[in-house]
Amino acid sequence: MKADPLADALAASIGAATGERFMLLGRAPVGGGCIHEALRLEGRAGDAAREYFAKVNEASSAPMFEAEADGLAALHATSCLRVARVIARGDDGERAWLVLEWLELVPLAPASAARLGDGLARQHAAPRERFGWERDNFIGASPQRNGWTDDWIAFWQERRLHPQLRMAARNRLPTRMIDRGERLMADCGAFFRSYAPKPSLLHGDLWSGNAAALADGTPVVFDPAVYVGDREADVAMTELFGGFPPDFLARYREAAPLHDGYRARRDLYNLYHRLNHANLFAGGYVRESETAIERLLAELG
């Protein structure tokens, strides 16, 4: 039989983490591998069948898997939303991997979307002391700076918009967009004159591709980029690319009404994600970023 070093490494990693010898009998590619290779692992531990979900990439991706495991653990600790349990994480010098429990997922339906709105509102309501996070992590494939602060506006300027604008300069995106973005960044405190955000634990990357449900309607979220921030930043991203049943936002607003001025802040928060997509993929995301910047500057007068 031909040697399969990856299969051996994954089986050994799972066995070491679970304390029971795992025999990997098969693996198959599945969806969810935008950045990493995503696999369904099937095997046995003693007489019991086992299934797992694994992400695999080059060894240099180990910090991304570490950050993802950290984020999943933080969300799990709130007991507000279902996340996949982390089984194992490791690398062999050539490849790195993250193994999670296998969950059979279905798209959000109206009822499960409403339950997601409830759960997210509860997660956001849990008191947190400061903005930020104890470690840097990633937003997609891009580094995401964190650290702790009591100043939310400064955090958004210095840890979110500024790094994306500097990345845009390195990527030689339009100079006018960068210059106008820097002006917006300097003046964005105007959107908070009558609103003082409270620190909330955020998923951080809550678009429709990162949420689904179990067959019983339990909502599940995954691929987080967690930090403590303004809850409106999470809600804003759910509106960025669409895909959430309207029951989600309706139930969230019922449980945790949004403040006046949310629409403009929504666009400010989503600018971060638009710029990140422009930096990663260019194309139409550059024009979307330019348009968003000009619209926000017009709001400032």
C-alpha atoms as a PDB file:
ATOM      1  CA  MET A   1       0.000   0.000   0.000  1.00  0.00           C
ATOM      2  CA  LYS A   2       1.301   3.448  -0.933  1.00  0.00           C
ATOM      3  CA  ALA A   3       2.438   5.528   2.044  1.00  0.00           C
ATOM      4  CA  ASP A   4       0.165   8.438   2.953  1.00  0.00           C
ATOM      5  CA  PRO A   5       2.053  10.762   5.328  1.00  0.00           C
ATOM      6  CA  LEU A   6      -0.873  13.202   5.662  1.00  0.00           C
ATOM      7  CA  ALA A   7      -3.306  10.454   6.622  1.00  0.00           C
ATOM      8  CA  ASP A   8      -0.833   9.092   9.156  1.00  0.00           C
ATOM      9  CA  ALA A   9      -0.238  12.569  10.625  1.00  0.00           C
ATOM     10  CA  LEU A  10      -3.960  13.354  10.916  1.00  0.00           C
ATOM     11  CA  ALA A  11      -4.742   9.976  12.481  1.00  0.00           C
ATOM     12  CA  ALA A  12      -1.917  10.345  14.991  1.00  0.00           C
ATOM     13  CA  SER A  13      -2.966  13.901  15.869  1.00  0.00           C
ATOM     14  CA  ILE A  14      -6.577  12.866  16.453  1.00  0.00           C
ATOM     15  CA  GLY A  15      -5.507   9.855  18.489  1.00  0.00           C
ATOM     16  CA  ALA A  16      -3.215  11.930  20.683  1.00  0.00           C
ATOM     17  CA  ALA A  17      -5.938  14.528  21.279  1.00  0.00           C
ATOM     18  CA  THR A  18      -8.771  12.094  22.000  1.00  0.00           C
ATOM     19  CA  GLY A  19      -6.802   9.455  23.865  1.00  0.00           C
ATOM     20  CA  GLU A  20      -8.060   6.651  21.627  1.00  0.00           C
ATOM     21  CA  ARG A  21      -6.319   5.154  18.624  1.00  0.00           C
ATOM     22  CA  PHE A  22      -7.954   6.459  15.461  1.00  0.00           C
ATOM     23  CA  MET A  23      -7.758   4.544  12.191  1.00  0.00           C
ATOM     24  CA  LEU A  24      -8.359   6.839   9.218  1.00  0.00           C
ATOM     25  CA  LEU A  25     -10.197   4.838   6.561  1.00  0.00           C
ATOM     26  CA  GLY A  26     -10.982   7.574   4.078  1.00  0.00           C
ATOM     27  CA  ARG A  27     -10.911  11.263   3.373  1.00  0.00           C
ATOM     28  CA  ALA A  28     -12.723  13.347   0.791  1.00  0.00           C
ATOM     29  CA  PRO A  29     -12.700  17.025  -0.170  1.00  0.00           C
ATOM     30  CA  VAL A  30     -15.716  19.066   0.940  1.00  0.00           C
ATOM     31  CA  GLY A  31     -16.858  22.659   0.709  1.00  0.00           C
ATOM     32  CA  GLY A  32     -15.481  25.243   3.101  1.00  0.00           C
ATOM     33  CA  GLY A  33     -11.961  25.371   1.715  1.00  0.00           C
ATOM     34  CA  CYS A  34     -11.730  28.903   0.341  1.00  0.00           C
ATOM     35  CA  ILE A  35      -8.251  29.373   1.839  1.00  0.00           C
ATOM     36  CA  HIS A  36      -7.409  25.873   3.060  1.00  0.00           C
ATOM     37  CA  GLU A  37      -8.036  22.363   1.778  1.00  0.00           C
ATOM     38  CA  ALA A  38     -11.177  21.101   3.540  1.00  0.00           C
ATOM     39  CA  LEU A  39     -11.642  17.381   4.152  1.00  0.00           C
ATOM     40  CA  ARG A  40     -14.174  14.982   5.592  1.00  0.00           C
ATOM     41  CA  LEU A  41     -12.339  12.295   7.546  1.00  0.00           C
ATOM     42  CA  GLU A  42     -13.933   8.903   8.145  1.00  0.00           C
ATOM     43  CA  GLY A  43     -12.473   6.226  10.357  1.00  0.00           C
ATOM     44  CA  ARG A  44     -12.794   4.124  13.455  1.00  0.00           C
ATOM     45  CA  ALA A  45     -11.744   4.272  17.077  1.00  0.00           C
ATOM     46  CA  GLY A  46     -12.121   0.762  18.448  1.00  0.00           C
ATOM     47  CA  ASP A  47     -15.560  -0.466  17.356  1.00  0.00           C
ATOM     48  CA  ALA A  48     -16.992   3.039  16.921  1.00  0.00           C
ATOM     49  CA  ALA A  49     -17.221   4.938  13.639  1.00  0.00           C
ATOM     50  CA  ARG A  50     -15.877   8.476  13.762  1.00  0.00           C
ATOM     51  CA  GLU A  51     -16.167  11.439  11.392  1.00  0.00           C
ATOM     52  CA  TYR A  52     -14.264  14.709  11.532  1.00  0.00           C
ATOM     53  CA  PHE A  53     -13.825  17.899   9.524  1.00  0.00           C
ATOM     54  CA  ALA A  54     -10.237  18.938   8.805  1.00  0.00           C
ATOM     55  CA  LYS A  55      -8.551  21.963   7.279  1.00  0.00           C
ATOM     56  CA  VAL A  56      -5.076  21.428   5.869  1.00  0.00           C
ATOM     57  CA  ASN A  57      -2.536  23.847   4.417  1.00  0.00           C
ATOM     58  CA  GLU A  58       1.181  24.559   4.346  1.00  0.00           C
ATOM     59  CA  ALA A  59       2.952  24.635   7.712  1.00  0.00           C
ATOM     60  CA  SER A  60       3.109  28.441   7.499  1.00  0.00           C
ATOM     61  CA  SER A  61      -0.676  28.440   8.038  1.00  0.00           C
ATOM     62  CA  ALA A  62      -0.327  27.079  11.575  1.00  0.00           C
ATOM     63  CA  PRO A  63      -0.904  30.546  13.144  1.00  0.00           C
ATOM     64  CA  MET A  64      -4.203  30.839  11.246  1.00  0.00           C
ATOM     65  CA  PHE A  65      -5.379  27.513  12.645  1.00  0.00           C
ATOM     66  CA  GLU A  66      -4.255  28.499  16.130  1.00  0.00           C
ATOM     67  CA  ALA A  67      -6.217  31.749  15.886  1.00  0.00           C
ATOM     68  CA  GLU A  68      -9.305  29.943  14.585  1.00  0.00           C
ATOM     69  CA  ALA A  69      -9.192  27.424  17.427  1.00  0.00           C
ATOM     70  CA  ASP A  70      -8.847  30.309  19.895  1.00  0.00           C
ATOM     71  CA  GLY A  71     -11.870  32.049  18.402  1.00  0.00           C
ATOM     72  CA  LEU A  72     -14.022  28.929  18.414  1.00  0.00           C
ATOM     73  CA  ALA A  73     -13.131  28.343  22.063  1.00  0.00           C
ATOM     74  CA  ALA A  74     -14.118  31.921  22.956  1.00  0.00           C
ATOM     75  CA  LEU A  75     -17.487  31.605  21.218  1.00  0.00           C
ATOM     76  CA  HIS A  76     -18.120  28.179  22.745  1.00  0.00           C
ATOM     77  CA  ALA A  77     -17.455  29.553  26.231  1.00  0.00           C
ATOM     78  CA  THR A  78     -20.421  31.938  25.952  1.00  0.00           C
ATOM     79  CA  SER A  79     -22.898  29.057  25.409  1.00  0.00           C
ATOM     80  CA  CYS A  80     -24.904  31.425  23.177  1.00  0.00           C
ATOM     81  CA  LEU A  81     -24.214  29.946  19.728  1.00  0.00           C
ATOM     82  CA  ARG A  82     -23.260  26.464  18.574  1.00  0.00           C
ATOM     83  CA  VAL A  83     -19.763  26.066  17.154  1.00  0.00           C
ATOM     84  CA  ALA A  84     -17.841  22.963  16.092  1.00  0.00           C
ATOM     85  CA  ARG A  85     -15.734  21.470  18.877  1.00  0.00           C
ATOM     86  CA  VAL A  86     -11.993  21.617  18.264  1.00  0.00           C
ATOM     87  CA  ILE A  87     -10.546  18.104  18.212  1.00  0.00           C
ATOM     88  CA  ALA A  88      -6.873  18.531  17.269  1.00  0.00           C
ATOM     89  CA  ARG A  89      -4.390  20.967  15.800  1.00  0.00           C
ATOM     90  CA  GLY A  90      -0.825  20.396  14.676  1.00  0.00           C
ATOM     91  CA  ASP A  91       1.810  20.430  11.965  1.00  0.00           C
ATOM     92  CA  ASP A  92       4.578  18.153  10.724  1.00  0.00           C
ATOM     93  CA  GLY A  93       6.920  20.828   9.385  1.00  0.00           C
ATOM     94  CA  GLU A  94       5.405  20.642   5.908  1.00  0.00           C
ATOM     95  CA  ARG A  95       1.683  20.881   6.545  1.00  0.00           C
ATOM     96  CA  ALA A  96      -0.508  22.252   9.293  1.00  0.00           C
ATOM     97  CA  TRP A  97      -4.026  21.157  10.163  1.00  0.00           C
ATOM     98  CA  LEU A  98      -7.049  21.869  12.293  1.00  0.00           C
ATOM     99  CA  VAL A  99      -9.497  19.044  13.037  1.00  0.00           C
ATOM    100  CA  LEU A 100     -13.053  19.793  14.197  1.00  0.00           C
ATOM    101  CA  GLU A 101     -16.059  17.667  14.994  1.00  0.00           C
ATOM    102  CA  TRP A 102     -18.103  16.821  11.910  1.00  0.00           C
ATOM    103  CA  LEU A 103     -21.472  18.582  11.802  1.00  0.00           C
ATOM    104  CA  GLU A 104     -24.172  17.914   9.213  1.00  0.00           C
ATOM    105  CA  LEU A 105     -25.155  21.439   8.208  1.00  0.00           C
ATOM    106  CA  VAL A 106     -28.096  22.818   6.252  1.00  0.00           C
ATOM    107  CA  PRO A 107     -28.750  26.410   5.112  1.00  0.00           C
ATOM    108  CA  LEU A 108     -30.429  28.778   7.534  1.00  0.00           C
ATOM    109  CA  ALA A 109     -34.206  28.707   7.335  1.00  0.00           C
ATOM    110  CA  PRO A 110     -36.483  31.410   8.776  1.00  0.00           C
ATOM    111  CA  ALA A 111     -36.784  29.667  12.161  1.00  0.00           C
ATOM    112  CA  SER A 112     -33.068  28.877  12.546  1.00  0.00           C
ATOM    113  CA  ALA A 113     -32.173  32.391  11.381  1.00  0.00           C
ATOM    114  CA  ALA A 114     -34.419  33.827  14.106  1.00  0.00           C
ATOM    115  CA  ARG A 115     -32.687  31.610  16.660  1.00  0.00           C
ATOM    116  CA  LEU A 116     -29.357  32.925  15.380  1.00  0.00           C
ATOM    117  CA  GLY A 117     -30.583  36.475  15.982  1.00  0.00           C
ATOM    118  CA  ASP A 118     -31.533  35.571  19.546  1.00  0.00           C
ATOM    119  CA  GLY A 119     -28.224  33.853  20.245  1.00  0.00           C
ATOM    120  CA  LEU A 120     -26.139  36.642  18.778  1.00  0.00           C
ATOM    121  CA  ALA A 121     -28.018  39.234  20.829  1.00  0.00           C
ATOM    122  CA  ARG A 122     -27.298  37.227  24.004  1.00  0.00           C
ATOM    123  CA  GLN A 123     -23.630  36.911  23.069  1.00  0.00           C
ATOM    124  CA  HIS A 124     -23.363  40.648  22.487  1.00  0.00           C
ATOM    125  CA  ALA A 125     -25.124  41.442  25.778  1.00  0.00           C
ATOM    126  CA  ALA A 126     -22.579  39.635  27.953  1.00  0.00           C
ATOM    127  CA  PRO A 127     -20.444  42.324  29.667  1.00  0.00           C
ATOM    128  CA  ARG A 128     -16.837  42.797  28.526  1.00  0.00           C
ATOM    129  CA  GLU A 129     -14.378  45.230  30.048  1.00  0.00           C
ATOM    130  CA  ARG A 130     -12.319  46.521  27.102  1.00  0.00           C
ATOM    131  CA  PHE A 131     -12.147  46.540  23.321  1.00  0.00           C
ATOM    132  CA  GLY A 132      -9.737  44.329  21.401  1.00  0.00           C
ATOM    133  CA  TRP A 133      -8.340  40.846  21.955  1.00  0.00           C
ATOM    134  CA  GLU A 134      -5.332  39.294  23.644  1.00  0.00           C
ATOM    135  CA  ARG A 135      -3.815  38.101  20.376  1.00  0.00           C
ATOM    136  CA  ASP A 136      -3.738  39.142  16.759  1.00  0.00           C
ATOM    137  CA  ASN A 137      -5.655  36.922  14.349  1.00  0.00           C
ATOM    138  CA  PHE A 138      -6.831  36.957  10.740  1.00  0.00           C
ATOM    139  CA  ILE A 139      -9.680  38.306   8.645  1.00  0.00           C
ATOM    140  CA  GLY A 140      -9.781  35.902   5.742  1.00  0.00           C
ATOM    141  CA  ALA A 141      -6.154  35.568   4.682  1.00  0.00           C
ATOM    142  CA  SER A 142      -5.179  39.016   5.986  1.00  0.00           C
ATOM    143  CA  PRO A 143      -3.562  39.664   9.375  1.00  0.00           C
ATOM    144  CA  GLN A 144      -5.896  41.372  11.853  1.00  0.00           C
ATOM    145  CA  ARG A 145      -4.279  43.464  14.592  1.00  0.00           C
ATOM    146  CA  ASN A 146      -5.854  43.528  18.021  1.00  0.00           C
ATOM    147  CA  GLY A 147      -4.486  44.297  21.491  1.00  0.00           C
ATOM    148  CA  TRP A 148      -6.536  45.948  24.248  1.00  0.00           C
ATOM    149  CA  THR A 149      -7.841  49.507  24.535  1.00  0.00           C
ATOM    150  CA  ASP A 150     -10.599  51.542  26.170  1.00  0.00           C
ATOM    151  CA  ASP A 151     -10.944  53.771  23.084  1.00  0.00           C
ATOM    152  CA  TRP A 152     -13.166  52.144  20.481  1.00  0.00           C
ATOM    153  CA  ILE A 153     -12.821  54.892  17.869  1.00  0.00           C
ATOM    154  CA  ALA A 154      -9.037  54.777  18.068  1.00  0.00           C
ATOM    155  CA  PHE A 155      -9.178  50.983  17.814  1.00  0.00           C
ATOM    156  CA  TRP A 156     -11.239  51.173  14.644  1.00  0.00           C
ATOM    157  CA  GLN A 157      -8.965  53.784  13.160  1.00  0.00           C
ATOM    158  CA  GLU A 158      -5.613  52.258  14.124  1.00  0.00           C
ATOM    159  CA  ARG A 159      -6.302  48.498  14.148  1.00  0.00           C
ATOM    160  CA  ARG A 160      -8.848  48.207  11.355  1.00  0.00           C
ATOM    161  CA  LEU A 161      -8.911  50.986   8.757  1.00  0.00           C
ATOM    162  CA  HIS A 162      -5.261  52.063   8.904  1.00  0.00           C
ATOM    163  CA  PRO A 163      -3.762  48.588   8.242  1.00  0.00           C
ATOM    164  CA  GLN A 164      -6.093  48.058   5.284  1.00  0.00           C
ATOM    165  CA  LEU A 165      -5.242  51.456   3.800  1.00  0.00           C
ATOM    166  CA  ARG A 166      -1.499  50.746   4.225  1.00  0.00           C
ATOM    167  CA  MET A 167      -2.016  47.375   2.557  1.00  0.00           C
ATOM    168  CA  ALA A 168      -3.862  49.116  -0.274  1.00  0.00           C
ATOM    169  CA  ALA A 169      -0.857  51.407  -0.769  1.00  0.00           C
ATOM    170  CA  ARG A 170       1.485  48.398  -0.917  1.00  0.00           C
ATOM    171  CA  ASN A 171      -0.858  46.781  -3.444  1.00  0.00           C
ATOM    172  CA  ARG A 172      -0.826  49.973  -5.528  1.00  0.00           C
ATOM    173  CA  LEU A 173      -4.569  50.471  -5.362  1.00  0.00           C
ATOM    174  CA  PRO A 174      -5.835  53.920  -6.434  1.00  0.00           C
ATOM    175  CA  THR A 175      -4.045  56.728  -4.620  1.00  0.00           C
ATOM    176  CA  ARG A 176      -7.170  58.892  -4.460  1.00  0.00           C
ATOM    177  CA  MET A 177      -9.073  56.083  -2.725  1.00  0.00           C
ATOM    178  CA  ILE A 178      -6.322  55.758  -0.128  1.00  0.00           C
ATOM    179  CA  ASP A 179      -6.101  59.519   0.436  1.00  0.00           C
ATOM    180  CA  ARG A 180      -9.862  59.854   0.787  1.00  0.00           C
ATOM    181  CA  GLY A 181      -9.922  56.810   3.042  1.00  0.00           C
ATOM    182  CA  GLU A 182      -7.335  58.403   5.327  1.00  0.00           C
ATOM    183  CA  ARG A 183      -9.432  61.554   5.555  1.00  0.00           C
ATOM    184  CA  LEU A 184     -12.474  59.471   6.468  1.00  0.00           C
ATOM    185  CA  MET A 185     -10.450  57.551   9.034  1.00  0.00           C
ATOM    186  CA  ALA A 186      -9.326  60.768  10.712  1.00  0.00           C
ATOM    187  CA  ASP A 187     -12.878  62.150  10.913  1.00  0.00           C
ATOM    188  CA  CYS A 188     -14.914  59.005  11.578  1.00  0.00           C
ATOM    189  CA  GLY A 189     -15.449  59.941  15.231  1.00  0.00           C
ATOM    190  CA  ALA A 190     -18.302  62.115  13.977  1.00  0.00           C
ATOM    191  CA  PHE A 191     -20.397  58.962  13.518  1.00  0.00           C
ATOM    192  CA  PHE A 192     -20.236  58.391  17.281  1.00  0.00           C
ATOM    193  CA  ARG A 193     -21.259  61.800  18.627  1.00  0.00           C
ATOM    194  CA  SER A 194     -24.512  60.458  20.054  1.00  0.00           C
ATOM    195  CA  TYR A 195     -23.527  56.833  20.411  1.00  0.00           C
ATOM    196  CA  ALA A 196     -21.058  55.218  22.811  1.00  0.00           C
ATOM    197  CA  PRO A 197     -20.500  51.531  21.972  1.00  0.00           C
ATOM    198  CA  LYS A 198     -20.172  49.005  24.764  1.00  0.00           C
ATOM    199  CA  PRO A 199     -17.653  46.165  24.465  1.00  0.00           C
ATOM    200  CA  SER A 200     -19.184  42.934  23.130  1.00  0.00           C
ATOM    201  CA  LEU A 201     -17.634  39.668  22.016  1.00  0.00           C
ATOM    202  CA  LEU A 202     -17.909  39.580  18.207  1.00  0.00           C
ATOM    203  CA  HIS A 203     -17.731  36.722  15.757  1.00  0.00           C
ATOM    204  CA  GLY A 204     -15.837  39.191  13.586  1.00  0.00           C
ATOM    205  CA  ASP A 205     -16.492  37.650  10.143  1.00  0.00           C
ATOM    206  CA  LEU A 206     -20.224  37.012  10.213  1.00  0.00           C
ATOM    207  CA  TRP A 207     -21.258  36.814   6.574  1.00  0.00           C
ATOM    208  CA  SER A 208     -23.791  34.249   5.381  1.00  0.00           C
ATOM    209  CA  GLY A 209     -21.073  31.774   4.336  1.00  0.00           C
ATOM    210  CA  ASN A 210     -20.046  31.451   7.987  1.00  0.00           C
ATOM    211  CA  ALA A 211     -23.435  30.502   9.409  1.00  0.00           C
ATOM    212  CA  ALA A 212     -25.696  27.488   8.929  1.00  0.00           C
ATOM    213  CA  ALA A 213     -27.875  25.170  11.001  1.00  0.00           C
ATOM    214  CA  LEU A 214     -28.187  21.615  12.210  1.00  0.00           C
ATOM    215  CA  ALA A 215     -31.129  19.507  11.070  1.00  0.00           C
ATOM    216  CA  ASP A 216     -33.018  20.355  14.283  1.00  0.00           C
ATOM    217  CA  GLY A 217     -32.750  24.089  13.537  1.00  0.00           C
ATOM    218  CA  THR A 218     -29.890  24.871  15.911  1.00  0.00           C
ATOM    219  CA  PRO A 219     -27.858  27.708  14.335  1.00  0.00           C
ATOM    220  CA  VAL A 220     -24.120  27.140  13.935  1.00  0.00           C
ATOM    221  CA  VAL A 221     -21.386  29.703  13.259  1.00  0.00           C
ATOM    222  CA  PHE A 222     -17.833  29.004  12.139  1.00  0.00           C
ATOM    223  CA  ASP A 223     -14.627  30.569  10.758  1.00  0.00           C
ATOM    224  CA  PRO A 224     -14.559  33.396  13.336  1.00  0.00           C
ATOM    225  CA  ALA A 225     -12.189  36.354  13.550  1.00  0.00           C
ATOM    226  CA  VAL A 226     -13.099  37.160  17.145  1.00  0.00           C
ATOM    227  CA  TYR A 227     -12.448  40.313  19.113  1.00  0.00           C
ATOM    228  CA  VAL A 228     -14.329  42.543  21.539  1.00  0.00           C
ATOM    229  CA  GLY A 229     -15.910  45.487  19.771  1.00  0.00           C
ATOM    230  CA  ASP A 230     -19.108  47.340  18.949  1.00  0.00           C
ATOM    231  CA  ARG A 231     -21.905  44.830  18.413  1.00  0.00           C
ATOM    232  CA  GLU A 232     -23.022  46.844  15.391  1.00  0.00           C
ATOM    233  CA  ALA A 233     -19.892  45.673  13.539  1.00  0.00           C
ATOM    234  CA  ASP A 234     -21.153  42.072  13.646  1.00  0.00           C
ATOM    235  CA  VAL A 235     -24.675  43.052  12.655  1.00  0.00           C
ATOM    236  CA  ALA A 236     -23.346  45.243   9.833  1.00  0.00           C
ATOM    237  CA  MET A 237     -21.479  42.397   8.193  1.00  0.00           C
ATOM    238  CA  THR A 238     -24.608  40.248   8.080  1.00  0.00           C
ATOM    239  CA  GLU A 239     -25.980  42.891   5.708  1.00  0.00           C
ATOM    240  CA  LEU A 240     -22.870  43.216   3.539  1.00  0.00           C
ATOM    241  CA  PHE A 241     -23.249  40.274   1.148  1.00  0.00           C
ATOM    242  CA  GLY A 242     -26.855  39.285   1.885  1.00  0.00           C
ATOM    243  CA  GLY A 243     -27.885  35.672   2.298  1.00  0.00           C
ATOM    244  CA  PHE A 244     -29.418  35.856   5.769  1.00  0.00           C
ATOM    245  CA  PRO A 245     -33.183  35.305   5.979  1.00  0.00           C
ATOM    246  CA  PRO A 246     -34.855  38.548   7.120  1.00  0.00           C
ATOM    247  CA  ASP A 247     -35.992  36.743  10.274  1.00  0.00           C
ATOM    248  CA  PHE A 248     -32.414  36.965  11.576  1.00  0.00           C
ATOM    249  CA  LEU A 249     -32.177  40.751  11.708  1.00  0.00           C
ATOM    250  CA  ALA A 250     -35.808  41.160  12.722  1.00  0.00           C
ATOM    251  CA  ARG A 251     -35.298  38.916  15.767  1.00  0.00           C
ATOM    252  CA  TYR A 252     -31.957  40.547  16.625  1.00  0.00           C
ATOM    253  CA  ARG A 253     -33.507  44.017  16.506  1.00  0.00           C
ATOM    254  CA  GLU A 254     -36.383  42.815  18.675  1.00  0.00           C
ATOM    255  CA  ALA A 255     -33.970  41.446  21.283  1.00  0.00           C
ATOM    256  CA  ALA A 256     -31.409  44.255  21.051  1.00  0.00           C
ATOM    257  CA  PRO A 257     -32.663  47.376  19.227  1.00  0.00           C
ATOM    258  CA  LEU A 258     -30.067  49.255  17.210  1.00  0.00           C
ATOM    259  CA  HIS A 259     -29.270  52.887  17.910  1.00  0.00           C
ATOM    260  CA  ASP A 260     -29.881  55.952  15.758  1.00  0.00           C
ATOM    261  CA  GLY A 261     -27.149  56.381  13.177  1.00  0.00           C
ATOM    262  CA  TYR A 262     -26.647  52.646  12.684  1.00  0.00           C
ATOM    263  CA  ARG A 263     -26.967  52.876   8.893  1.00  0.00           C
ATOM    264  CA  ALA A 264     -23.932  55.154   8.543  1.00  0.00           C
ATOM    265  CA  ARG A 265     -21.911  53.157  11.088  1.00  0.00           C
ATOM    266  CA  ARG A 266     -22.898  49.977   9.243  1.00  0.00           C
ATOM    267  CA  ASP A 267     -21.249  51.343   6.106  1.00  0.00           C
ATOM    268  CA  LEU A 268     -18.188  52.435   8.086  1.00  0.00           C
ATOM    269  CA  TYR A 269     -17.783  48.980   9.605  1.00  0.00           C
ATOM    270  CA  ASN A 270     -18.348  47.235   6.288  1.00  0.00           C
ATOM    271  CA  LEU A 271     -15.722  49.438   4.646  1.00  0.00           C
ATOM    272  CA  TYR A 272     -13.140  47.409   6.556  1.00  0.00           C
ATOM    273  CA  HIS A 273     -14.349  44.231   4.851  1.00  0.00           C
ATOM    274  CA  ARG A 274     -14.683  45.902   1.464  1.00  0.00           C
ATOM    275  CA  LEU A 275     -11.092  47.140   1.698  1.00  0.00           C
ATOM    276  CA  ASN A 276      -9.923  43.704   2.772  1.00  0.00           C
ATOM    277  CA  HIS A 277     -11.592  42.162  -0.275  1.00  0.00           C
ATOM    278  CA  ALA A 278     -10.083  44.861  -2.478  1.00  0.00           C
ATOM    279  CA  ASN A 279      -6.649  44.024  -1.095  1.00  0.00           C
ATOM    280  CA  LEU A 280      -7.125  40.285  -1.501  1.00  0.00           C
ATOM    281  CA  PHE A 281      -9.020  40.125  -4.788  1.00  0.00           C
ATOM    282  CA  ALA A 282      -8.940  43.626  -6.413  1.00  0.00           C
ATOM    283  CA  GLY A 283     -11.530  43.755  -9.219  1.00  0.00           C
ATOM    284  CA  GLY A 284     -14.927  45.230  -8.417  1.00  0.00           C
ATOM    285  CA  TYR A 285     -14.152  45.402  -4.700  1.00  0.00           C
ATOM    286  CA  VAL A 286     -11.867  48.367  -5.387  1.00  0.00           C
ATOM    287  CA  ARG A 287     -14.704  50.327  -6.945  1.00  0.00           C
ATOM    288  CA  GLU A 288     -17.054  49.301  -4.124  1.00  0.00           C
ATOM    289  CA  SER A 289     -14.529  50.613  -1.601  1.00  0.00           C
ATOM    290  CA  GLU A 290     -14.144  53.894  -3.448  1.00  0.00           C
ATOM    291  CA  THR A 291     -17.917  54.356  -3.593  1.00  0.00           C
ATOM    292  CA  ALA A 292     -18.339  53.538   0.094  1.00  0.00           C
ATOM    293  CA  ILE A 293     -15.633  56.019   1.102  1.00  0.00           C
ATOM    294  CA  GLU A 294     -17.209  58.822  -0.923  1.00  0.00           C
ATOM    295  CA  ARG A 295     -20.672  58.069   0.479  1.00  0.00           C
ATOM    296  CA  LEU A 296     -19.373  58.162   4.053  1.00  0.00           C
ATOM    297  CA  LEU A 297     -17.485  61.401   3.449  1.00  0.00           C
ATOM    298  CA  ALA A 298     -20.671  62.920   2.060  1.00  0.00           C
ATOM    299  CA  GLU A 299     -22.417  61.913   5.316  1.00  0.00           C
ATOM    300  CA  LEU A 300     -19.802  63.935   7.184  1.00  0.00           C
ATOM    301  CA  GLY A 301     -20.555  66.965   5.051  1.00  0.00           C
END
